[in-house]
Amino acid sequence: MLAVTYNLGGKVFDVEADREKALAQMDDLFRKDDVWHDIYVFGTQEAERTIAESMFDESKRRLTAAVKAYFDIPDDEETLWEAEQ
C-alpha cells in the first residue's frame, strides 16, 4: 500500500490544461511504473479550490479526471470515490 497526502493549495493536477505536466507531477507522487502497489491511498487538502470555496462546491471533477488519466482508468468506469458521492 502506498499512502500519499498532498496539499494542492487550491490547485489541481490539470490534465485538461497541460496533460504532460499534470501526469509528470502525479508520477513524482505515485511512481506507478517504478514501484507496484496493491492499494493507493491519496489524501488531498485544498484540491481544486480553497477550503472555504469547497464548503459550497465539493466537486473534484478535474482531480478525478487527472487520477483516472494517470492510472489509465476508463472515463466510463466509476471509481469508489465517485460511487460514494
N, C-alpha and C. Protein backbone atom coordinates (compact mmCIF):
# COMPACT_ATOMS: atom_id res chain seq x y z
N MET A 1 0.84 -1.17 0.00
CA MET A 1 0.00 0.00 0.00
C MET A 1 0.90 1.24 0.00
N LEU A 2 0.52 2.21 -0.80
CA LEU A 2 1.19 3.50 -0.82
C LEU A 2 0.18 4.54 -0.37
N ALA A 3 0.50 5.29 0.68
CA ALA A 3 -0.35 6.37 1.16
C ALA A 3 0.35 7.70 0.93
N VAL A 4 -0.34 8.60 0.29
CA VAL A 4 0.21 9.90 -0.06
C VAL A 4 -0.78 10.98 0.36
N THR A 5 -0.29 12.03 0.95
CA THR A 5 -1.14 13.20 1.21
C THR A 5 -0.45 14.41 0.59
N TYR A 6 -1.25 15.29 0.04
CA TYR A 6 -0.68 16.41 -0.69
C TYR A 6 -1.60 17.62 -0.59
N ASN A 7 -1.07 18.75 -0.17
CA ASN A 7 -1.83 19.99 -0.13
C ASN A 7 -1.66 20.67 -1.48
N LEU A 8 -2.74 20.71 -2.22
CA LEU A 8 -2.69 21.26 -3.56
C LEU A 8 -2.84 22.78 -3.58
N GLY A 9 -3.06 23.40 -2.45
CA GLY A 9 -3.12 24.87 -2.38
C GLY A 9 -4.17 25.49 -3.27
N GLY A 10 -5.33 24.82 -3.39
CA GLY A 10 -6.40 25.34 -4.23
C GLY A 10 -6.24 25.05 -5.70
N LYS A 11 -5.24 24.25 -6.04
CA LYS A 11 -4.99 23.92 -7.45
C LYS A 11 -5.30 22.44 -7.69
N VAL A 12 -4.94 21.96 -8.85
CA VAL A 12 -5.20 20.57 -9.19
C VAL A 12 -4.19 20.14 -10.26
N PHE A 13 -3.96 18.84 -10.35
CA PHE A 13 -3.19 18.30 -11.48
C PHE A 13 -4.11 18.43 -12.69
N ASP A 14 -3.92 19.45 -13.50
CA ASP A 14 -4.90 19.78 -14.53
C ASP A 14 -4.53 19.15 -15.87
N VAL A 15 -5.09 17.95 -16.13
CA VAL A 15 -4.80 17.26 -17.39
C VAL A 15 -5.44 17.96 -18.58
N GLU A 16 -6.48 18.77 -18.32
CA GLU A 16 -7.12 19.48 -19.42
C GLU A 16 -6.24 20.62 -19.92
N ALA A 17 -5.55 21.31 -19.02
CA ALA A 17 -4.71 22.45 -19.41
C ALA A 17 -3.34 22.01 -19.92
N ASP A 18 -2.70 21.08 -19.21
CA ASP A 18 -1.36 20.63 -19.59
C ASP A 18 -1.18 19.18 -19.15
N ARG A 19 -1.57 18.27 -20.02
CA ARG A 19 -1.58 16.84 -19.70
C ARG A 19 -0.20 16.31 -19.30
N GLU A 20 0.83 16.66 -20.07
CA GLU A 20 2.18 16.15 -19.78
C GLU A 20 2.66 16.60 -18.40
N LYS A 21 2.47 17.87 -18.09
CA LYS A 21 2.91 18.40 -16.80
C LYS A 21 2.13 17.75 -15.65
N ALA A 22 0.82 17.61 -15.82
CA ALA A 22 -0.01 17.01 -14.77
C ALA A 22 0.40 15.56 -14.50
N LEU A 23 0.61 14.79 -15.55
CA LEU A 23 0.98 13.39 -15.37
C LEU A 23 2.38 13.26 -14.78
N ALA A 24 3.28 14.17 -15.13
CA ALA A 24 4.63 14.16 -14.55
C ALA A 24 4.58 14.47 -13.05
N GLN A 25 3.73 15.43 -12.66
CA GLN A 25 3.58 15.76 -11.25
C GLN A 25 3.01 14.57 -10.46
N MET A 26 2.04 13.91 -11.05
CA MET A 26 1.46 12.74 -10.38
C MET A 26 2.47 11.61 -10.29
N ASP A 27 3.31 11.48 -11.31
CA ASP A 27 4.31 10.42 -11.29
C ASP A 27 5.33 10.65 -10.17
N ASP A 28 5.61 11.92 -9.86
CA ASP A 28 6.50 12.22 -8.73
C ASP A 28 5.94 11.68 -7.42
N LEU A 29 4.62 11.67 -7.31
CA LEU A 29 3.99 11.16 -6.09
C LEU A 29 3.82 9.64 -6.09
N PHE A 30 3.26 9.09 -7.18
CA PHE A 30 2.85 7.69 -7.18
C PHE A 30 3.88 6.72 -7.74
N ARG A 31 4.67 7.15 -8.71
CA ARG A 31 5.69 6.30 -9.34
C ARG A 31 5.14 4.93 -9.73
N LYS A 32 4.00 4.90 -10.39
CA LYS A 32 3.34 3.63 -10.71
C LYS A 32 4.15 2.72 -11.62
N ASP A 33 5.04 3.28 -12.41
CA ASP A 33 5.84 2.44 -13.31
C ASP A 33 7.12 1.93 -12.65
N ASP A 34 7.51 2.53 -11.53
CA ASP A 34 8.73 2.12 -10.84
C ASP A 34 8.46 1.20 -9.65
N VAL A 35 7.36 1.46 -8.98
CA VAL A 35 7.03 0.72 -7.76
C VAL A 35 5.58 0.26 -7.88
N TRP A 36 5.34 -1.01 -7.63
CA TRP A 36 4.00 -1.56 -7.79
C TRP A 36 3.34 -1.71 -6.42
N HIS A 37 2.10 -1.23 -6.30
CA HIS A 37 1.36 -1.32 -5.05
C HIS A 37 -0.02 -1.91 -5.35
N ASP A 38 -0.55 -2.65 -4.37
CA ASP A 38 -1.92 -3.17 -4.49
C ASP A 38 -2.95 -2.07 -4.25
N ILE A 39 -2.64 -1.17 -3.34
CA ILE A 39 -3.59 -0.12 -2.95
C ILE A 39 -2.87 1.22 -2.95
N TYR A 40 -3.51 2.22 -3.52
CA TYR A 40 -3.03 3.60 -3.48
C TYR A 40 -4.03 4.41 -2.66
N VAL A 41 -3.56 5.09 -1.64
CA VAL A 41 -4.40 5.96 -0.83
C VAL A 41 -3.90 7.38 -1.07
N PHE A 42 -4.79 8.24 -1.53
CA PHE A 42 -4.42 9.59 -1.92
C PHE A 42 -5.30 10.57 -1.17
N GLY A 43 -4.73 11.25 -0.18
CA GLY A 43 -5.46 12.27 0.56
C GLY A 43 -5.03 13.64 0.09
N THR A 44 -5.99 14.52 -0.13
CA THR A 44 -5.65 15.87 -0.58
C THR A 44 -6.22 16.90 0.38
N GLN A 45 -5.60 18.02 0.36
CA GLN A 45 -6.11 19.19 1.05
C GLN A 45 -6.15 20.32 0.03
N GLU A 46 -7.23 21.06 0.05
CA GLU A 46 -7.41 22.20 -0.85
C GLU A 46 -7.25 21.81 -2.32
N ALA A 47 -7.86 20.72 -2.71
CA ALA A 47 -7.80 20.29 -4.10
C ALA A 47 -8.83 21.07 -4.93
N GLU A 48 -8.38 21.71 -5.96
CA GLU A 48 -9.16 22.48 -6.93
C GLU A 48 -9.61 23.84 -6.42
N ARG A 49 -9.80 23.98 -5.12
CA ARG A 49 -10.25 25.26 -4.57
C ARG A 49 -9.88 25.33 -3.10
N THR A 50 -10.05 26.49 -2.51
CA THR A 50 -9.72 26.64 -1.09
C THR A 50 -10.73 25.89 -0.23
N ILE A 51 -10.40 25.75 1.04
CA ILE A 51 -11.32 25.08 1.97
C ILE A 51 -12.67 25.81 2.02
N ALA A 52 -12.63 27.13 2.11
CA ALA A 52 -13.86 27.91 2.17
C ALA A 52 -14.71 27.70 0.91
N GLU A 53 -14.09 27.72 -0.25
CA GLU A 53 -14.83 27.53 -1.50
C GLU A 53 -15.41 26.11 -1.58
N SER A 54 -14.71 25.14 -1.02
CA SER A 54 -15.17 23.75 -1.06
C SER A 54 -16.42 23.53 -0.21
N MET A 55 -16.70 24.43 0.72
CA MET A 55 -17.94 24.32 1.50
C MET A 55 -19.16 24.48 0.60
N PHE A 56 -19.01 25.21 -0.49
CA PHE A 56 -20.12 25.48 -1.40
C PHE A 56 -20.06 24.64 -2.66
N ASP A 57 -18.90 24.13 -2.99
CA ASP A 57 -18.73 23.29 -4.18
C ASP A 57 -17.69 22.22 -3.86
N GLU A 58 -18.14 21.03 -3.53
CA GLU A 58 -17.21 19.98 -3.11
C GLU A 58 -16.73 19.10 -4.27
N SER A 59 -17.19 19.37 -5.48
CA SER A 59 -16.80 18.57 -6.64
C SER A 59 -15.29 18.55 -6.84
N LYS A 60 -14.78 17.40 -7.20
CA LYS A 60 -13.36 17.24 -7.52
C LYS A 60 -13.24 16.63 -8.92
N ARG A 61 -14.04 17.15 -9.84
CA ARG A 61 -14.12 16.62 -11.20
C ARG A 61 -12.76 16.60 -11.91
N ARG A 62 -12.01 17.71 -11.82
CA ARG A 62 -10.72 17.76 -12.51
C ARG A 62 -9.69 16.84 -11.85
N LEU A 63 -9.73 16.74 -10.53
CA LEU A 63 -8.82 15.83 -9.83
C LEU A 63 -9.15 14.38 -10.19
N THR A 64 -10.42 14.05 -10.22
CA THR A 64 -10.84 12.71 -10.61
C THR A 64 -10.37 12.38 -12.02
N ALA A 65 -10.51 13.33 -12.95
CA ALA A 65 -10.05 13.12 -14.33
C ALA A 65 -8.54 12.90 -14.38
N ALA A 66 -7.80 13.65 -13.57
CA ALA A 66 -6.34 13.50 -13.55
C ALA A 66 -5.92 12.14 -13.01
N VAL A 67 -6.55 11.70 -11.94
CA VAL A 67 -6.22 10.38 -11.36
C VAL A 67 -6.56 9.27 -12.34
N LYS A 68 -7.72 9.38 -12.98
CA LYS A 68 -8.10 8.37 -13.97
C LYS A 68 -7.11 8.34 -15.14
N ALA A 69 -6.70 9.51 -15.60
CA ALA A 69 -5.74 9.57 -16.71
C ALA A 69 -4.41 8.93 -16.31
N TYR A 70 -3.95 9.24 -15.11
CA TYR A 70 -2.65 8.72 -14.66
C TYR A 70 -2.67 7.20 -14.51
N PHE A 71 -3.74 6.66 -13.95
CA PHE A 71 -3.82 5.22 -13.72
C PHE A 71 -4.51 4.46 -14.85
N ASP A 72 -4.74 5.13 -15.97
CA ASP A 72 -5.37 4.52 -17.15
C ASP A 72 -6.72 3.89 -16.82
N ILE A 73 -7.53 4.58 -16.05
CA ILE A 73 -8.89 4.13 -15.73
C ILE A 73 -9.82 4.75 -16.76
N PRO A 74 -10.62 3.93 -17.46
CA PRO A 74 -11.53 4.49 -18.48
C PRO A 74 -12.49 5.50 -17.86
N ASP A 75 -12.83 6.55 -18.62
CA ASP A 75 -13.74 7.59 -18.13
C ASP A 75 -15.10 7.05 -17.71
N ASP A 76 -15.56 5.99 -18.39
CA ASP A 76 -16.89 5.47 -18.07
C ASP A 76 -16.88 4.49 -16.88
N GLU A 77 -15.71 4.19 -16.35
CA GLU A 77 -15.62 3.29 -15.19
C GLU A 77 -15.71 4.11 -13.91
N GLU A 78 -16.71 3.80 -13.10
CA GLU A 78 -16.92 4.56 -11.87
C GLU A 78 -15.91 4.13 -10.81
N THR A 79 -15.31 5.10 -10.18
CA THR A 79 -14.35 4.82 -9.12
C THR A 79 -15.08 4.81 -7.78
N LEU A 80 -14.43 4.31 -6.76
CA LEU A 80 -15.03 4.21 -5.44
C LEU A 80 -15.47 5.58 -4.93
N TRP A 81 -14.61 6.60 -5.09
CA TRP A 81 -14.99 7.92 -4.57
C TRP A 81 -16.14 8.54 -5.35
N GLU A 82 -16.31 8.17 -6.61
CA GLU A 82 -17.46 8.68 -7.38
C GLU A 82 -18.74 7.98 -6.95
N ALA A 83 -18.65 6.71 -6.63
CA ALA A 83 -19.83 5.95 -6.21
C ALA A 83 -20.37 6.45 -4.89
N GLU A 84 -19.51 6.99 -4.05
CA GLU A 84 -19.94 7.44 -2.72
C GLU A 84 -20.54 8.83 -2.75
N GLN A 85 -20.45 9.55 -3.87
CA GLN A 85 -20.97 10.92 -3.92
C GLN A 85 -22.44 10.93 -4.27
